[in-house]
Amino acid sequence: MEEKTLKNWQAEVDHYIGQFKEGYFPPFELLARMSEELGELSREVHHQYGMKKKKDTEDKSSMEEELADLLFVIICFANAEKLSLNAAMSTVMEKFRTRDEHRWTRKEE
């Protein structure tokens, strides 16, 4: 199976959301949803790496699932604002490559 690009995911999410009369939530609602999903990811990281372990009665989830939930909301936010995550990621990666070129110690090749 071919790997999907961010552009593909944005189109798939847009198709999914397009089925509903409500459409995308307004920006502040999407930001609140993003914060909620980030909190769930934080809780999962804490369960796996921190002192607070899950109770036996708590639902099982994974960091992978929580990251995907967060990505879904980020894609919704980008789509609602008509933003290309592919273009944005290209810009951000170029910024990191140039700004941080000598910031970190490189591994030996």
PDB file of N, CA and C in Angstrom:
ATOM      1  N   MET A   1       0.845  -1.184   0.000  1.00  0.00           N
ATOM      2  CA  MET A   1       0.000   0.000   0.000  1.00  0.00           C
ATOM      3  C   MET A   1       0.888   1.245   0.000  1.00  0.00           C
ATOM      4  N   GLU A   2       0.514   2.222  -0.787  1.00  0.00           N
ATOM      5  CA  GLU A   2       1.284   3.456  -0.910  1.00  0.00           C
ATOM      6  C   GLU A   2       1.069   4.347   0.315  1.00  0.00           C
ATOM      7  N   GLU A   3       2.167   4.935   0.795  1.00  0.00           N
ATOM      8  CA  GLU A   3       2.097   5.857   1.926  1.00  0.00           C
ATOM      9  C   GLU A   3       1.380   7.134   1.492  1.00  0.00           C
ATOM     10  N   LYS A   4       0.556   7.672   2.371  1.00  0.00           N
ATOM     11  CA  LYS A   4      -0.160   8.910   2.068  1.00  0.00           C
ATOM     12  C   LYS A   4       0.694  10.112   2.459  1.00  0.00           C
ATOM     13  N   THR A   5       0.535  11.180   1.708  1.00  0.00           N
ATOM     14  CA  THR A   5       1.194  12.444   2.029  1.00  0.00           C
ATOM     15  C   THR A   5       0.254  13.271   2.906  1.00  0.00           C
ATOM     16  N   LEU A   6       0.776  14.340   3.455  1.00  0.00           N
ATOM     17  CA  LEU A   6      -0.094  15.255   4.208  1.00  0.00           C
ATOM     18  C   LEU A   6      -1.208  15.785   3.310  1.00  0.00           C
ATOM     19  N   LYS A   7      -0.882  16.040   2.049  1.00  0.00           N
ATOM     20  CA  LYS A   7      -1.902  16.503   1.091  1.00  0.00           C
ATOM     21  C   LYS A   7      -3.018  15.473   0.953  1.00  0.00           C
ATOM     22  N   ASN A   8      -2.645  14.182   0.858  1.00  0.00           N
ATOM     23  CA  ASN A   8      -3.648  13.115   0.785  1.00  0.00           C
ATOM     24  C   ASN A   8      -4.512  13.081   2.037  1.00  0.00           C
ATOM     25  N   TRP A   9      -3.867  13.189   3.208  1.00  0.00           N
ATOM     26  CA  TRP A   9      -4.612  13.166   4.463  1.00  0.00           C
ATOM     27  C   TRP A   9      -5.540  14.370   4.563  1.00  0.00           C
ATOM     28  N   GLN A  10      -5.061  15.540   4.125  1.00  0.00           N
ATOM     29  CA  GLN A  10      -5.928  16.717   4.167  1.00  0.00           C
ATOM     30  C   GLN A  10      -7.150  16.515   3.280  1.00  0.00           C
ATOM     31  N   ALA A  11      -6.968  15.919   2.118  1.00  0.00           N
ATOM     32  CA  ALA A  11      -8.096  15.659   1.216  1.00  0.00           C
ATOM     33  C   ALA A  11      -9.053  14.636   1.827  1.00  0.00           C
ATOM     34  N   GLU A  12      -8.515  13.585   2.451  1.00  0.00           N
ATOM     35  CA  GLU A  12      -9.371  12.565   3.052  1.00  0.00           C
ATOM     36  C   GLU A  12     -10.186  13.128   4.219  1.00  0.00           C
ATOM     37  N   VAL A  13      -9.537  13.909   5.058  1.00  0.00           N
ATOM     38  CA  VAL A  13     -10.249  14.528   6.180  1.00  0.00           C
ATOM     39  C   VAL A  13     -11.304  15.497   5.650  1.00  0.00           C
ATOM     40  N   ASP A  14     -10.966  16.265   4.615  1.00  0.00           N
ATOM     41  CA  ASP A  14     -11.921  17.218   4.041  1.00  0.00           C
ATOM     42  C   ASP A  14     -13.140  16.490   3.483  1.00  0.00           C
ATOM     43  N   HIS A  15     -12.904  15.358   2.828  1.00  0.00           N
ATOM     44  CA  HIS A  15     -14.009  14.553   2.309  1.00  0.00           C
ATOM     45  C   HIS A  15     -14.886  14.046   3.465  1.00  0.00           C
ATOM     46  N   TYR A  16     -14.247  13.572   4.520  1.00  0.00           N
ATOM     47  CA  TYR A  16     -14.985  13.076   5.677  1.00  0.00           C
ATOM     48  C   TYR A  16     -15.820  14.186   6.312  1.00  0.00           C
ATOM     49  N   ILE A  17     -15.213  15.324   6.598  1.00  0.00           N
ATOM     50  CA  ILE A  17     -15.923  16.439   7.245  1.00  0.00           C
ATOM     51  C   ILE A  17     -17.007  16.997   6.322  1.00  0.00           C
ATOM     52  N   GLY A  18     -16.761  16.934   5.008  1.00  0.00           N
ATOM     53  CA  GLY A  18     -17.722  17.457   4.034  1.00  0.00           C
ATOM     54  C   GLY A  18     -19.055  16.729   4.023  1.00  0.00           C
ATOM     55  N   GLN A  19     -19.142  15.569   4.653  1.00  0.00           N
ATOM     56  CA  GLN A  19     -20.400  14.812   4.727  1.00  0.00           C
ATOM     57  C   GLN A  19     -21.404  15.435   5.684  1.00  0.00           C
ATOM     58  N   PHE A  20     -20.934  16.323   6.544  1.00  0.00           N
ATOM     59  CA  PHE A  20     -21.759  16.822   7.630  1.00  0.00           C
ATOM     60  C   PHE A  20     -22.108  18.293   7.443  1.00  0.00           C
ATOM     61  N   LYS A  21     -23.357  18.632   7.729  1.00  0.00           N
ATOM     62  CA  LYS A  21     -23.823  20.010   7.600  1.00  0.00           C
ATOM     63  C   LYS A  21     -23.010  20.971   8.460  1.00  0.00           C
ATOM     64  N   GLU A  22     -22.578  20.487   9.630  1.00  0.00           N
ATOM     65  CA  GLU A  22     -21.847  21.363  10.550  1.00  0.00           C
ATOM     66  C   GLU A  22     -20.488  21.797   9.998  1.00  0.00           C
ATOM     67  N   GLY A  23     -19.877  20.957   9.171  1.00  0.00           N
ATOM     68  CA  GLY A  23     -18.567  21.281   8.611  1.00  0.00           C
ATOM     69  C   GLY A  23     -17.501  21.409   9.692  1.00  0.00           C
ATOM     70  N   TYR A  24     -16.499  22.206   9.401  1.00  0.00           N
ATOM     71  CA  TYR A  24     -15.408  22.405  10.360  1.00  0.00           C
ATOM     72  C   TYR A  24     -15.862  23.311  11.492  1.00  0.00           C
ATOM     73  N   PHE A  25     -15.334  23.047  12.672  1.00  0.00           N
ATOM     74  CA  PHE A  25     -15.607  23.904  13.816  1.00  0.00           C
ATOM     75  C   PHE A  25     -14.889  25.240  13.623  1.00  0.00           C
ATOM     76  N   PRO A  26     -15.348  26.285  14.312  1.00  0.00           N
ATOM     77  CA  PRO A  26     -14.652  27.577  14.251  1.00  0.00           C
ATOM     78  C   PRO A  26     -13.255  27.463  14.890  1.00  0.00           C
ATOM     79  N   PRO A  27     -12.351  28.400  14.577  1.00  0.00           N
ATOM     80  CA  PRO A  27     -10.964  28.316  15.050  1.00  0.00           C
ATOM     81  C   PRO A  27     -10.805  28.122  16.559  1.00  0.00           C
ATOM     82  N   PHE A  28     -11.549  28.844  17.378  1.00  0.00           N
ATOM     83  CA  PHE A  28     -11.379  28.690  18.828  1.00  0.00           C
ATOM     84  C   PHE A  28     -11.836  27.311  19.304  1.00  0.00           C
ATOM     85  N   GLU A  29     -12.857  26.750  18.678  1.00  0.00           N
ATOM     86  CA  GLU A  29     -13.309  25.406  19.018  1.00  0.00           C
ATOM     87  C   GLU A  29     -12.252  24.377  18.611  1.00  0.00           C
ATOM     88  N   LEU A  30     -11.654  24.570  17.439  1.00  0.00           N
ATOM     89  CA  LEU A  30     -10.598  23.669  16.996  1.00  0.00           C
ATOM     90  C   LEU A  30      -9.374  23.762  17.909  1.00  0.00           C
ATOM     91  N   LEU A  31      -9.079  24.970  18.352  1.00  0.00           N
ATOM     92  CA  LEU A  31      -7.956  25.142  19.280  1.00  0.00           C
ATOM     93  C   LEU A  31      -8.237  24.438  20.608  1.00  0.00           C
ATOM     94  N   ALA A  32      -9.467  24.525  21.077  1.00  0.00           N
ATOM     95  CA  ALA A  32      -9.850  23.824  22.309  1.00  0.00           C
ATOM     96  C   ALA A  32      -9.749  22.313  22.108  1.00  0.00           C
ATOM     97  N   ARG A  33     -10.190  21.818  20.960  1.00  0.00           N
ATOM     98  CA  ARG A  33     -10.090  20.380  20.665  1.00  0.00           C
ATOM     99  C   ARG A  33      -8.628  19.944  20.605  1.00  0.00           C
ATOM    100  N   MET A  34      -7.788  20.805  20.000  1.00  0.00           N
ATOM    101  CA  MET A  34      -6.363  20.505  19.924  1.00  0.00           C
ATOM    102  C   MET A  34      -5.758  20.416  21.325  1.00  0.00           C
ATOM    103  N   SER A  35      -6.134  21.346  22.189  1.00  0.00           N
ATOM    104  CA  SER A  35      -5.647  21.327  23.574  1.00  0.00           C
ATOM    105  C   SER A  35      -6.105  20.065  24.293  1.00  0.00           C
ATOM    106  N   GLU A  36      -7.339  19.670  24.059  1.00  0.00           N
ATOM    107  CA  GLU A  36      -7.874  18.451  24.673  1.00  0.00           C
ATOM    108  C   GLU A  36      -7.075  17.225  24.225  1.00  0.00           C
ATOM    109  N   GLU A  37      -6.819  17.135  22.920  1.00  0.00           N
ATOM    110  CA  GLU A  37      -6.068  15.989  22.393  1.00  0.00           C
ATOM    111  C   GLU A  37      -4.627  16.004  22.891  1.00  0.00           C
ATOM    112  N   LEU A  38      -4.028  17.173  23.007  1.00  0.00           N
ATOM    113  CA  LEU A  38      -2.672  17.261  23.540  1.00  0.00           C
ATOM    114  C   LEU A  38      -2.650  16.810  24.996  1.00  0.00           C
ATOM    115  N   GLY A  39      -3.691  17.144  25.743  1.00  0.00           N
ATOM    116  CA  GLY A  39      -3.801  16.684  27.128  1.00  0.00           C
ATOM    117  C   GLY A  39      -3.888  15.173  27.210  1.00  0.00           C
ATOM    118  N   GLU A  40      -4.633  14.558  26.298  1.00  0.00           N
ATOM    119  CA  GLU A  40      -4.746  13.099  26.285  1.00  0.00           C
ATOM    120  C   GLU A  40      -3.413  12.454  25.924  1.00  0.00           C
ATOM    121  N   LEU A  41      -2.675  13.062  24.999  1.00  0.00           N
ATOM    122  CA  LEU A  41      -1.342  12.558  24.667  1.00  0.00           C
ATOM    123  C   LEU A  41      -0.418  12.703  25.875  1.00  0.00           C
ATOM    124  N   SER A  42      -0.483  13.839  26.538  1.00  0.00           N
ATOM    125  CA  SER A  42       0.347  14.067  27.731  1.00  0.00           C
ATOM    126  C   SER A  42       0.053  13.030  28.802  1.00  0.00           C
ATOM    127  N   ARG A  43      -1.210  12.723  28.982  1.00  0.00           N
ATOM    128  CA  ARG A  43      -1.592  11.725  29.976  1.00  0.00           C
ATOM    129  C   ARG A  43      -1.017  10.356  29.613  1.00  0.00           C
ATOM    130  N   GLU A  44      -1.072  10.009  28.341  1.00  0.00           N
ATOM    131  CA  GLU A  44      -0.548   8.717  27.896  1.00  0.00           C
ATOM    132  C   GLU A  44       0.973   8.653  28.086  1.00  0.00           C
ATOM    133  N   VAL A  45       1.672   9.732  27.771  1.00  0.00           N
ATOM    134  CA  VAL A  45       3.126   9.769  27.977  1.00  0.00           C
ATOM    135  C   VAL A  45       3.432   9.620  29.467  1.00  0.00           C
ATOM    136  N   HIS A  46       2.644  10.284  30.291  1.00  0.00           N
ATOM    137  CA  HIS A  46       2.838  10.193  31.746  1.00  0.00           C
ATOM    138  C   HIS A  46       2.613   8.768  32.237  1.00  0.00           C
ATOM    139  N   HIS A  47       1.599   8.115  31.704  1.00  0.00           N
ATOM    140  CA  HIS A  47       1.331   6.723  32.090  1.00  0.00           C
ATOM    141  C   HIS A  47       2.499   5.814  31.711  1.00  0.00           C
ATOM    142  N   GLN A  48       3.097   6.046  30.556  1.00  0.00           N
ATOM    143  CA  GLN A  48       4.161   5.161  30.081  1.00  0.00           C
ATOM    144  C   GLN A  48       5.524   5.487  30.676  1.00  0.00           C
ATOM    145  N   TYR A  49       5.795   6.771  30.903  1.00  0.00           N
ATOM    146  CA  TYR A  49       7.135   7.168  31.317  1.00  0.00           C
ATOM    147  C   TYR A  49       7.200   7.850  32.669  1.00  0.00           C
ATOM    148  N   GLY A  50       6.077   8.272  33.182  1.00  0.00           N
ATOM    149  CA  GLY A  50       6.066   9.001  34.438  1.00  0.00           C
ATOM    150  C   GLY A  50       5.737   8.102  35.620  1.00  0.00           C
ATOM    151  N   MET A  51       5.515   8.750  36.738  1.00  0.00           N
ATOM    152  CA  MET A  51       5.238   8.033  37.980  1.00  0.00           C
ATOM    153  C   MET A  51       3.796   7.526  38.056  1.00  0.00           C
ATOM    154  N   LYS A  52       2.896   8.207  37.347  1.00  0.00           N
ATOM    155  CA  LYS A  52       1.471   7.864  37.444  1.00  0.00           C
ATOM    156  C   LYS A  52       1.109   6.815  36.396  1.00  0.00           C
ATOM    157  N   LYS A  53       0.962   5.590  36.815  1.00  0.00           N
ATOM    158  CA  LYS A  53       0.612   4.496  35.911  1.00  0.00           C
ATOM    159  C   LYS A  53      -0.901   4.374  35.785  1.00  0.00           C
ATOM    160  N   LYS A  54      -1.351   3.756  34.706  1.00  0.00           N
ATOM    161  CA  LYS A  54      -2.788   3.566  34.483  1.00  0.00           C
ATOM    162  C   LYS A  54      -3.382   2.624  35.508  1.00  0.00           C
ATOM    163  N   LYS A  55      -4.632   2.923  35.847  1.00  0.00           N
ATOM    164  CA  LYS A  55      -5.395   2.008  36.690  1.00  0.00           C
ATOM    165  C   LYS A  55      -5.895   0.867  35.810  1.00  0.00           C
ATOM    166  N   ASP A  56      -6.132  -0.265  36.406  1.00  0.00           N
ATOM    167  CA  ASP A  56      -6.642  -1.421  35.656  1.00  0.00           C
ATOM    168  C   ASP A  56      -7.996  -1.125  35.014  1.00  0.00           C
ATOM    169  N   THR A  57      -8.756  -0.188  35.589  1.00  0.00           N
ATOM    170  CA  THR A  57     -10.092   0.121  35.092  1.00  0.00           C
ATOM    171  C   THR A  57     -10.073   1.127  33.938  1.00  0.00           C
ATOM    172  N   GLU A  58      -8.921   1.739  33.671  1.00  0.00           N
ATOM    173  CA  GLU A  58      -8.843   2.751  32.611  1.00  0.00           C
ATOM    174  C   GLU A  58      -8.737   2.106  31.240  1.00  0.00           C
ATOM    175  N   ASP A  59      -9.347   2.766  30.255  1.00  0.00           N
ATOM    176  CA  ASP A  59      -9.279   2.286  28.877  1.00  0.00           C
ATOM    177  C   ASP A  59      -7.839   2.250  28.394  1.00  0.00           C
ATOM    178  N   LYS A  60      -7.556   1.278  27.563  1.00  0.00           N
ATOM    179  CA  LYS A  60      -6.236   1.180  26.955  1.00  0.00           C
ATOM    180  C   LYS A  60      -6.180   2.113  25.745  1.00  0.00           C
ATOM    181  N   SER A  61      -5.133   2.870  25.630  1.00  0.00           N
ATOM    182  CA  SER A  61      -4.879   3.682  24.439  1.00  0.00           C
ATOM    183  C   SER A  61      -3.378   3.710  24.243  1.00  0.00           C
ATOM    184  N   SER A  62      -2.950   4.320  23.183  1.00  0.00           N
ATOM    185  CA  SER A  62      -1.523   4.338  22.894  1.00  0.00           C
ATOM    186  C   SER A  62      -1.093   5.732  22.493  1.00  0.00           C
ATOM    187  N   MET A  63       0.201   5.985  22.618  1.00  0.00           N
ATOM    188  CA  MET A  63       0.723   7.267  22.158  1.00  0.00           C
ATOM    189  C   MET A  63       0.464   7.431  20.668  1.00  0.00           C
ATOM    190  N   GLU A  64       0.580   6.336  19.930  1.00  0.00           N
ATOM    191  CA  GLU A  64       0.338   6.383  18.490  1.00  0.00           C
ATOM    192  C   GLU A  64      -1.080   6.874  18.190  1.00  0.00           C
ATOM    193  N   GLU A  65      -2.045   6.311  18.889  1.00  0.00           N
ATOM    194  CA  GLU A  65      -3.443   6.706  18.694  1.00  0.00           C
ATOM    195  C   GLU A  65      -3.667   8.153  19.118  1.00  0.00           C
ATOM    196  N   GLU A  66      -3.080   8.541  20.242  1.00  0.00           N
ATOM    197  CA  GLU A  66      -3.261   9.917  20.725  1.00  0.00           C
ATOM    198  C   GLU A  66      -2.597  10.920  19.788  1.00  0.00           C
ATOM    199  N   LEU A  67      -1.415  10.569  19.248  1.00  0.00           N
ATOM    200  CA  LEU A  67      -0.773  11.447  18.266  1.00  0.00           C
ATOM    201  C   LEU A  67      -1.635  11.585  17.011  1.00  0.00           C
ATOM    202  N   ALA A  68      -2.241  10.483  16.580  1.00  0.00           N
ATOM    203  CA  ALA A  68      -3.108  10.525  15.397  1.00  0.00           C
ATOM    204  C   ALA A  68      -4.354  11.366  15.660  1.00  0.00           C
ATOM    205  N   ASP A  69      -4.916  11.277  16.868  1.00  0.00           N
ATOM    206  CA  ASP A  69      -6.065  12.126  17.218  1.00  0.00           C
ATOM    207  C   ASP A  69      -5.680  13.605  17.130  1.00  0.00           C
ATOM    208  N   LEU A  70      -4.500  13.929  17.654  1.00  0.00           N
ATOM    209  CA  LEU A  70      -4.014  15.307  17.608  1.00  0.00           C
ATOM    210  C   LEU A  70      -3.781  15.739  16.160  1.00  0.00           C
ATOM    211  N   LEU A  71      -3.181  14.866  15.357  1.00  0.00           N
ATOM    212  CA  LEU A  71      -2.948  15.185  13.948  1.00  0.00           C
ATOM    213  C   LEU A  71      -4.261  15.409  13.205  1.00  0.00           C
ATOM    214  N   PHE A  72      -5.275  14.615  13.510  1.00  0.00           N
ATOM    215  CA  PHE A  72      -6.588  14.800  12.876  1.00  0.00           C
ATOM    216  C   PHE A  72      -7.117  16.211  13.120  1.00  0.00           C
ATOM    217  N   VAL A  73      -7.017  16.673  14.355  1.00  0.00           N
ATOM    218  CA  VAL A  73      -7.522  18.021  14.678  1.00  0.00           C
ATOM    219  C   VAL A  73      -6.649  19.082  14.007  1.00  0.00           C
ATOM    220  N   ILE A  74      -5.341  18.856  13.951  1.00  0.00           N
ATOM    221  CA  ILE A  74      -4.456  19.801  13.265  1.00  0.00           C
ATOM    222  C   ILE A  74      -4.820  19.879  11.785  1.00  0.00           C
ATOM    223  N   ILE A  75      -5.097  18.734  11.178  1.00  0.00           N
ATOM    224  CA  ILE A  75      -5.507  18.721   9.769  1.00  0.00           C
ATOM    225  C   ILE A  75      -6.837  19.450   9.602  1.00  0.00           C
ATOM    226  N   CYS A  76      -7.772  19.230  10.514  1.00  0.00           N
ATOM    227  CA  CYS A  76      -9.046  19.956  10.458  1.00  0.00           C
ATOM    228  C   CYS A  76      -8.813  21.458  10.516  1.00  0.00           C
ATOM    229  N   PHE A  77      -7.935  21.884  11.421  1.00  0.00           N
ATOM    230  CA  PHE A  77      -7.628  23.312  11.578  1.00  0.00           C
ATOM    231  C   PHE A  77      -7.037  23.858  10.271  1.00  0.00           C
ATOM    232  N   ALA A  78      -6.067  23.146   9.701  1.00  0.00           N
ATOM    233  CA  ALA A  78      -5.449  23.581   8.448  1.00  0.00           C
ATOM    234  C   ALA A  78      -6.481  23.656   7.331  1.00  0.00           C
ATOM    235  N   ASN A  79      -7.320  22.644   7.212  1.00  0.00           N
ATOM    236  CA  ASN A  79      -8.349  22.638   6.173  1.00  0.00           C
ATOM    237  C   ASN A  79      -9.334  23.781   6.346  1.00  0.00           C
ATOM    238  N   ALA A  80      -9.767  23.998   7.580  1.00  0.00           N
ATOM    239  CA  ALA A  80     -10.735  25.068   7.846  1.00  0.00           C
ATOM    240  C   ALA A  80     -10.169  26.428   7.463  1.00  0.00           C
ATOM    241  N   GLU A  81      -8.856  26.580   7.612  1.00  0.00           N
ATOM    242  CA  GLU A  81      -8.197  27.849   7.285  1.00  0.00           C
ATOM    243  C   GLU A  81      -7.618  27.869   5.870  1.00  0.00           C
ATOM    244  N   LYS A  82      -7.877  26.792   5.099  1.00  0.00           N
ATOM    245  CA  LYS A  82      -7.397  26.666   3.713  1.00  0.00           C
ATOM    246  C   LYS A  82      -5.870  26.746   3.637  1.00  0.00           C
ATOM    247  N   LEU A  83      -5.200  26.020   4.545  1.00  0.00           N
ATOM    248  CA  LEU A  83      -3.741  25.997   4.613  1.00  0.00           C
ATOM    249  C   LEU A  83      -3.211  24.652   4.126  1.00  0.00           C
ATOM    250  N   SER A  84      -2.079  24.673   3.458  1.00  0.00           N
ATOM    251  CA  SER A  84      -1.431  23.447   2.993  1.00  0.00           C
ATOM    252  C   SER A  84      -0.372  23.030   4.006  1.00  0.00           C
ATOM    253  N   LEU A  85      -0.581  21.876   4.636  1.00  0.00           N
ATOM    254  CA  LEU A  85       0.422  21.377   5.579  1.00  0.00           C
ATOM    255  C   LEU A  85       1.682  20.932   4.849  1.00  0.00           C
ATOM    256  N   ASN A  86       1.572  20.442   3.619  1.00  0.00           N
ATOM    257  CA  ASN A  86       2.771  20.089   2.848  1.00  0.00           C
ATOM    258  C   ASN A  86       3.656  21.316   2.663  1.00  0.00           C
ATOM    259  N   ALA A  87       3.068  22.413   2.227  1.00  0.00           N
ATOM    260  CA  ALA A  87       3.839  23.647   2.021  1.00  0.00           C
ATOM    261  C   ALA A  87       4.402  24.161   3.337  1.00  0.00           C
ATOM    262  N   ALA A  88       3.587  24.122   4.386  1.00  0.00           N
ATOM    263  CA  ALA A  88       4.035  24.611   5.691  1.00  0.00           C
ATOM    264  C   ALA A  88       5.198  23.776   6.221  1.00  0.00           C
ATOM    265  N   MET A  89       5.127  22.450   6.083  1.00  0.00           N
ATOM    266  CA  MET A  89       6.206  21.583   6.565  1.00  0.00           C
ATOM    267  C   MET A  89       7.491  21.804   5.771  1.00  0.00           C
ATOM    268  N   SER A  90       7.384  22.044   4.480  1.00  0.00           N
ATOM    269  CA  SER A  90       8.576  22.341   3.675  1.00  0.00           C
ATOM    270  C   SER A  90       9.248  23.616   4.175  1.00  0.00           C
ATOM    271  N   THR A  91       8.455  24.630   4.453  1.00  0.00           N
ATOM    272  CA  THR A  91       8.980  25.891   4.971  1.00  0.00           C
ATOM    273  C   THR A  91       9.630  25.704   6.335  1.00  0.00           C
ATOM    274  N   VAL A  92       8.956  24.977   7.215  1.00  0.00           N
ATOM    275  CA  VAL A  92       9.467  24.765   8.574  1.00  0.00           C
ATOM    276  C   VAL A  92      10.760  23.943   8.551  1.00  0.00           C
ATOM    277  N   MET A  93      10.812  22.912   7.727  1.00  0.00           N
ATOM    278  CA  MET A  93      12.026  22.091   7.669  1.00  0.00           C
ATOM    279  C   MET A  93      13.203  22.888   7.131  1.00  0.00           C
ATOM    280  N   GLU A  94      12.963  23.739   6.158  1.00  0.00           N
ATOM    281  CA  GLU A  94      14.039  24.586   5.643  1.00  0.00           C
ATOM    282  C   GLU A  94      14.522  25.547   6.730  1.00  0.00           C
ATOM    283  N   LYS A  95      13.592  26.075   7.501  1.00  0.00           N
ATOM    284  CA  LYS A  95      13.954  26.959   8.614  1.00  0.00           C
ATOM    285  C   LYS A  95      14.844  26.219   9.607  1.00  0.00           C
ATOM    286  N   PHE A  96      14.469  25.012   9.987  1.00  0.00           N
ATOM    287  CA  PHE A  96      15.270  24.246  10.940  1.00  0.00           C
ATOM    288  C   PHE A  96      16.631  23.874  10.359  1.00  0.00           C
ATOM    289  N   ARG A  97      16.660  23.505   9.078  1.00  0.00           N
ATOM    290  CA  ARG A  97      17.936  23.132   8.453  1.00  0.00           C
ATOM    291  C   ARG A  97      18.911  24.305   8.437  1.00  0.00           C
ATOM    292  N   THR A  98      18.426  25.494   8.199  1.00  0.00           N
ATOM    293  CA  THR A  98      19.329  26.648   8.116  1.00  0.00           C
ATOM    294  C   THR A  98      19.587  27.270   9.485  1.00  0.00           C
ATOM    295  N   ARG A  99      18.564  27.505  10.260  1.00  0.00           N
ATOM    296  CA  ARG A  99      18.720  28.164  11.559  1.00  0.00           C
ATOM    297  C   ARG A  99      19.517  27.306  12.538  1.00  0.00           C
ATOM    298  N   ASP A 100      19.266  26.019  12.521  1.00  0.00           N
ATOM    299  CA  ASP A 100      19.889  25.130  13.506  1.00  0.00           C
ATOM    300  C   ASP A 100      21.020  24.280  12.913  1.00  0.00           C
ATOM    301  N   GLU A 101      21.565  24.729  11.790  1.00  0.00           N
ATOM    302  CA  GLU A 101      22.577  23.936  11.093  1.00  0.00           C
ATOM    303  C   GLU A 101      23.749  23.547  11.996  1.00  0.00           C
ATOM    304  N   HIS A 102      24.186  24.466  12.848  1.00  0.00           N
ATOM    305  CA  HIS A 102      25.341  24.194  13.711  1.00  0.00           C
ATOM    306  C   HIS A 102      24.963  24.149  15.186  1.00  0.00           C
ATOM    307  N   ARG A 103      23.696  24.052  15.483  1.00  0.00           N
ATOM    308  CA  ARG A 103      23.224  24.114  16.864  1.00  0.00           C
ATOM    309  C   ARG A 103      23.480  22.818  17.641  1.00  0.00           C
ATOM    310  N   TRP A 104      23.324  21.692  16.993  1.00  0.00           N
ATOM    311  CA  TRP A 104      23.410  20.390  17.659  1.00  0.00           C
ATOM    312  C   TRP A 104      24.630  19.629  17.200  1.00  0.00           C
ATOM    313  N   THR A 105      25.088  18.722  18.016  1.00  0.00           N
ATOM    314  CA  THR A 105      26.250  17.908  17.695  1.00  0.00           C
ATOM    315  C   THR A 105      25.823  16.795  16.740  1.00  0.00           C
ATOM    316  N   ARG A 106      26.450  16.771  15.592  1.00  0.00           N
ATOM    317  CA  ARG A 106      26.111  15.768  14.568  1.00  0.00           C
ATOM    318  C   ARG A 106      26.703  14.410  14.936  1.00  0.00           C
ATOM    319  N   LYS A 107      25.993  13.361  14.550  1.00  0.00           N
ATOM    320  CA  LYS A 107      26.503  11.997  14.731  1.00  0.00           C
ATOM    321  C   LYS A 107      27.640  11.765  13.735  1.00  0.00           C
ATOM    322  N   GLU A 108      28.547  10.913  14.132  1.00  0.00           N
ATOM    323  CA  GLU A 108      29.633  10.530  13.231  1.00  0.00           C
ATOM    324  C   GLU A 108      29.056   9.629  12.135  1.00  0.00           C
ATOM    325  N   GLU A 109      29.520   9.809  10.925  1.00  0.00           N
ATOM    326  CA  GLU A 109      29.021   8.972   9.819  1.00  0.00           C
ATOM    327  C   GLU A 109      29.894   7.794   9.570  1.00  0.00           C
TER     328      GLU A 109
END
